[in-house]
Amino acid sequence: MSVKPSAEVDVVATDAGAPPSWPEICDRYEALWTAAVNDVLRAHGLLQQTLPPAIVPLQDGMAVAGLAFTISGAKSTVVENEMPERAAMLDAIRPGSVCVWETGGDDTSAQWGEVMTMASQRRGCRGAVIDGGVRDTTKVLALDFPVFCRYRTSNGMLGRFRLKAWDIPVRIGAVDIHPGDVIFGDADGVIVVPRALAVDVLAEAEQVKLQEVGIRQMITDGVSPQDVVRRGGYF
């Protein structure tokens, strides 16, 4: 598996001032909302960055941004050497990451649960996005760890699903995800920001946030929708 610098030390250069660290970048994404980031990506010609809408937060109010730590697996009844492989994968998680599971469309088992949450938290993981299932839901929620998934089930992976690889490019729905891309999820789902564009998209989305303060004020003040648009606003 490939090895990348820790998110605690990896930085991105910007035009002015000290370069932000990846933890700072991810914290700033979490202060935004996915719709604003989506609109910026659209302006860059990127229309396929949103994960399937069936992937939703395990609980209302959850939000997370971090660097993709990708994991791939598929349905399988083979159990030999599975636990050592799971342990190796968990040991490879980098601080500041979000685990992203590509499951080949599995609709049977839970790829995530309480113990995996605890282990990934110890590695400095910020959250998980599962194109599949979660179990131990009450215990996961008690750990205050953002998780996005398609369904809940008591079925574990053993004898039903098997980890294949990690830290590799994966595809979920129409979205290609590379290790280190920014993963951002909130109440409206999960979006993927290519790593090379992460700082530019962040800055533009923060400008959208500022602009919308003015738009909301115009509406509150009774400005007509047509006049809002004439003044540079939008709906």
Protein backbone atom coordinates (compact mmCIF):
# COMPACT_ATOMS: atom_id res chain seq x y z
CA MET A 1 0.00 0.00 0.00
CA SER A 2 1.17 3.54 -0.67
CA VAL A 3 2.33 5.79 2.15
CA LYS A 4 1.68 9.52 2.33
CA PRO A 5 2.76 12.23 4.78
CA SER A 6 0.75 12.57 7.95
CA ALA A 7 -2.07 15.09 7.76
CA GLU A 8 -0.58 16.66 10.88
CA VAL A 9 2.47 17.93 8.95
CA ASP A 10 1.34 18.07 5.34
CA VAL A 11 0.63 21.63 4.19
CA VAL A 12 -0.55 23.44 1.07
CA ALA A 13 1.03 26.67 -0.13
CA THR A 14 -1.21 29.68 -0.71
CA ASP A 15 -0.59 33.08 -2.30
CA ALA A 16 -0.57 35.07 0.92
CA GLY A 17 0.43 34.41 4.49
CA ALA A 18 1.49 31.15 6.08
CA PRO A 19 0.30 28.02 4.29
CA PRO A 20 -2.66 26.36 6.02
CA SER A 21 -2.21 22.87 7.36
CA TRP A 22 -4.58 20.14 6.25
CA PRO A 23 -6.27 20.03 9.68
CA GLU A 24 -6.94 23.77 9.36
CA ILE A 25 -8.28 23.30 5.84
CA CYS A 26 -10.62 20.54 6.99
CA ASP A 27 -11.81 22.58 10.00
CA ARG A 28 -12.65 25.45 7.62
CA TYR A 29 -14.61 23.10 5.35
CA GLU A 30 -16.63 21.94 8.36
CA ALA A 31 -17.62 25.59 8.98
CA LEU A 32 -19.26 25.62 5.51
CA TRP A 33 -22.05 23.53 4.00
CA THR A 34 -21.88 21.05 1.13
CA ALA A 35 -24.25 22.98 -1.14
CA ALA A 36 -21.89 25.97 -1.22
CA VAL A 37 -18.93 23.73 -2.02
CA ASN A 38 -20.98 21.93 -4.67
CA ASP A 39 -21.78 25.21 -6.40
CA VAL A 40 -18.09 26.15 -6.50
CA LEU A 41 -17.17 22.76 -7.96
CA ARG A 42 -19.87 23.21 -10.60
CA ALA A 43 -18.30 26.54 -11.56
CA HIS A 44 -15.05 24.64 -12.09
CA GLY A 45 -16.86 22.25 -14.45
CA LEU A 46 -16.95 19.40 -11.90
CA LEU A 47 -20.49 18.02 -11.89
CA GLN A 48 -19.89 14.48 -10.60
CA GLN A 49 -18.49 15.05 -7.11
CA THR A 50 -21.49 14.10 -4.96
CA LEU A 51 -21.81 10.59 -3.57
CA PRO A 52 -25.14 8.77 -4.08
CA PRO A 53 -27.94 10.41 -2.08
CA ALA A 54 -28.66 7.15 -0.25
CA ILE A 55 -25.48 7.77 1.76
CA VAL A 56 -26.70 9.84 4.70
CA PRO A 57 -25.55 10.78 8.23
CA LEU A 58 -26.08 8.18 10.91
CA GLN A 59 -27.63 10.96 12.97
CA ASP A 60 -28.96 14.45 12.18
CA GLY A 61 -26.42 17.18 12.80
CA MET A 62 -23.35 15.16 11.87
CA ALA A 63 -20.73 16.86 9.71
CA VAL A 64 -17.17 15.94 8.84
CA ALA A 65 -14.33 16.98 6.57
CA GLY A 66 -11.05 15.14 6.20
CA LEU A 67 -8.63 13.54 3.76
CA ALA A 68 -9.83 10.37 2.08
CA PHE A 69 -8.43 7.10 3.38
CA THR A 70 -9.94 4.77 0.83
CA ILE A 71 -10.94 1.16 1.51
CA SER A 72 -12.29 -1.41 -0.95
CA GLY A 73 -14.05 -4.72 -0.43
CA ALA A 74 -16.67 -7.09 -1.82
CA LYS A 75 -19.01 -9.89 -0.84
CA SER A 76 -17.06 -13.02 0.11
CA THR A 77 -17.43 -16.13 2.28
CA VAL A 78 -13.64 -16.52 2.69
CA VAL A 79 -12.54 -15.85 6.28
CA GLU A 80 -8.89 -17.01 6.27
CA ASN A 81 -6.46 -14.31 7.47
CA GLU A 82 -9.22 -11.70 7.52
CA MET A 83 -8.57 -10.29 10.99
CA PRO A 84 -4.84 -9.61 10.39
CA GLU A 85 -5.78 -7.77 7.19
CA ARG A 86 -8.34 -5.65 9.01
CA ALA A 87 -5.75 -4.84 11.69
CA ALA A 88 -3.18 -3.83 9.04
CA MET A 89 -5.73 -1.55 7.40
CA LEU A 90 -6.58 0.14 10.69
CA ASP A 91 -2.89 0.64 11.48
CA ALA A 92 -2.48 2.41 8.12
CA ILE A 93 -5.08 5.12 8.86
CA ARG A 94 -3.48 8.56 8.97
CA PRO A 95 -4.42 11.40 11.35
CA GLY A 96 -6.92 13.80 9.82
CA SER A 97 -8.44 11.22 7.51
CA VAL A 98 -11.99 10.14 6.73
CA CYS A 99 -12.36 6.43 6.02
CA VAL A 100 -14.21 5.89 2.73
CA TRP A 101 -15.48 2.35 2.07
CA GLU A 102 -16.25 1.20 -1.48
CA THR A 103 -18.23 -2.04 -1.12
CA GLY A 104 -19.09 -3.16 -4.64
CA GLY A 105 -22.75 -2.45 -3.91
CA ASP A 106 -23.00 -4.74 -0.88
CA ASP A 107 -26.47 -4.65 0.67
CA THR A 108 -26.06 -7.31 3.36
CA SER A 109 -23.35 -6.63 5.90
CA ALA A 110 -22.02 -3.84 8.10
CA GLN A 111 -18.56 -2.63 7.21
CA TRP A 112 -18.44 -0.37 10.27
CA GLY A 113 -19.20 -0.75 13.97
CA GLU A 114 -18.19 0.18 17.49
CA VAL A 115 -14.76 -1.44 17.67
CA MET A 116 -13.70 -0.11 14.26
CA THR A 117 -14.83 3.35 15.34
CA MET A 118 -12.74 3.15 18.50
CA ALA A 119 -9.66 1.91 16.63
CA SER A 120 -9.90 4.58 13.93
CA GLN A 121 -10.44 7.33 16.51
CA ARG A 122 -7.20 6.25 18.18
CA ARG A 123 -5.48 6.81 14.83
CA GLY A 124 -6.79 10.38 14.62
CA CYS A 125 -9.50 9.62 12.06
CA ARG A 126 -12.16 12.34 11.74
CA GLY A 127 -15.07 10.21 10.46
CA ALA A 128 -16.23 7.48 8.09
CA VAL A 129 -18.25 7.28 4.88
CA ILE A 130 -19.58 3.80 4.14
CA ASP A 131 -21.22 2.84 0.85
CA GLY A 132 -22.80 0.03 2.83
CA GLY A 133 -23.84 -0.70 6.37
CA VAL A 134 -23.20 0.16 10.01
CA ARG A 135 -23.98 -1.83 13.12
CA ASP A 136 -23.66 -1.16 16.87
CA THR A 137 -25.42 2.09 16.03
CA THR A 138 -26.16 3.21 19.59
CA LYS A 139 -22.58 2.55 20.66
CA VAL A 140 -21.14 4.32 17.62
CA LEU A 141 -23.30 7.36 18.31
CA ALA A 142 -22.08 7.44 21.90
CA LEU A 143 -18.51 7.82 20.62
CA ASP A 144 -19.37 11.16 18.96
CA PHE A 145 -17.84 10.08 15.64
CA PRO A 146 -19.42 11.26 12.34
CA VAL A 147 -20.50 8.32 10.18
CA PHE A 148 -22.37 8.36 6.85
CA CYS A 149 -23.84 5.15 5.44
CA ARG A 150 -26.61 3.59 3.32
CA TYR A 151 -28.20 1.30 5.91
CA ARG A 152 -28.02 -0.27 9.36
CA THR A 153 -27.86 -3.99 10.07
CA SER A 154 -26.74 -6.40 12.79
CA ASN A 155 -24.86 -8.49 10.18
CA GLY A 156 -21.09 -8.43 10.63
CA MET A 157 -18.66 -8.79 7.71
CA LEU A 158 -17.18 -12.15 8.68
CA GLY A 159 -18.26 -14.78 6.18
CA ARG A 160 -20.29 -12.25 4.20
CA PHE A 161 -17.91 -9.52 3.02
CA ARG A 162 -14.14 -9.18 2.80
CA LEU A 163 -11.69 -6.29 2.79
CA LYS A 164 -9.63 -6.32 -0.45
CA ALA A 165 -7.37 -3.24 -0.46
CA TRP A 166 -6.87 0.22 0.93
CA ASP A 167 -5.21 3.52 0.05
CA ILE A 168 -6.08 3.08 -3.63
CA PRO A 169 -8.35 4.99 -6.04
CA VAL A 170 -11.99 3.88 -5.69
CA ARG A 171 -15.29 4.76 -7.32
CA ILE A 172 -18.62 5.20 -5.53
CA GLY A 173 -21.57 5.96 -7.77
CA ALA A 174 -20.25 8.31 -10.45
CA VAL A 175 -17.49 9.73 -8.25
CA ASP A 176 -13.81 8.82 -8.48
CA ILE A 177 -12.07 9.17 -5.12
CA HIS A 178 -8.31 9.26 -4.67
CA PRO A 179 -6.42 8.95 -1.38
CA GLY A 180 -5.98 12.44 0.03
CA ASP A 181 -8.99 14.03 -1.65
CA VAL A 182 -11.08 16.15 0.70
CA ILE A 183 -14.25 14.39 1.86
CA PHE A 184 -16.95 16.70 3.20
CA GLY A 185 -20.27 15.48 4.54
CA ASP A 186 -23.24 17.14 6.24
CA ALA A 187 -27.03 16.90 6.31
CA ASP A 188 -27.18 17.14 2.50
CA GLY A 189 -24.85 14.19 1.91
CA VAL A 190 -21.19 13.75 1.00
CA ILE A 191 -19.09 15.59 -1.58
CA VAL A 192 -15.54 14.93 -2.83
CA VAL A 193 -13.13 17.79 -3.53
CA PRO A 194 -10.02 16.83 -5.56
CA ARG A 195 -6.95 17.42 -3.43
CA ALA A 196 -5.27 19.70 -6.00
CA LEU A 197 -8.27 22.08 -5.91
CA ALA A 198 -9.01 21.88 -2.19
CA VAL A 199 -7.55 25.26 -1.17
CA ASP A 200 -9.00 27.20 -4.12
CA VAL A 201 -12.44 25.64 -3.68
CA LEU A 202 -12.34 26.37 0.05
CA ALA A 203 -11.52 30.04 -0.51
CA GLU A 204 -14.28 30.44 -3.10
CA ALA A 205 -16.84 28.67 -0.92
CA GLU A 206 -15.95 30.96 1.98
CA GLN A 207 -16.68 33.91 -0.31
CA VAL A 208 -20.06 32.35 -1.11
CA LYS A 209 -20.73 32.19 2.63
CA LEU A 210 -20.00 35.90 2.99
CA GLN A 211 -22.06 36.80 -0.07
CA GLU A 212 -25.08 34.90 1.20
CA VAL A 213 -25.09 36.97 4.39
CA GLY A 214 -25.86 40.00 2.22
CA ILE A 215 -28.46 38.14 0.16
CA ARG A 216 -30.32 36.99 3.26
CA GLN A 217 -30.26 40.54 4.61
CA MET A 218 -31.78 41.89 1.38
CA ILE A 219 -34.58 39.34 1.58
CA THR A 220 -35.15 40.15 5.26
CA ASP A 221 -35.32 43.85 4.35
CA GLY A 222 -38.06 43.14 1.81
CA VAL A 223 -36.05 43.57 -1.38
CA SER A 224 -37.91 41.92 -4.28
CA PRO A 225 -36.34 38.80 -5.83
CA GLN A 226 -35.74 40.64 -9.13
CA ASP A 227 -33.97 43.47 -7.33
CA VAL A 228 -31.90 40.96 -5.36
CA VAL A 229 -30.68 39.52 -8.67
CA ARG A 230 -30.04 43.00 -10.09
CA ARG A 231 -27.80 43.68 -7.07
CA GLY A 232 -25.78 40.52 -7.75
CA GLY A 233 -27.73 38.10 -5.61
CA TYR A 234 -29.13 34.73 -6.56
CA PHE A 235 -31.61 32.08 -5.47
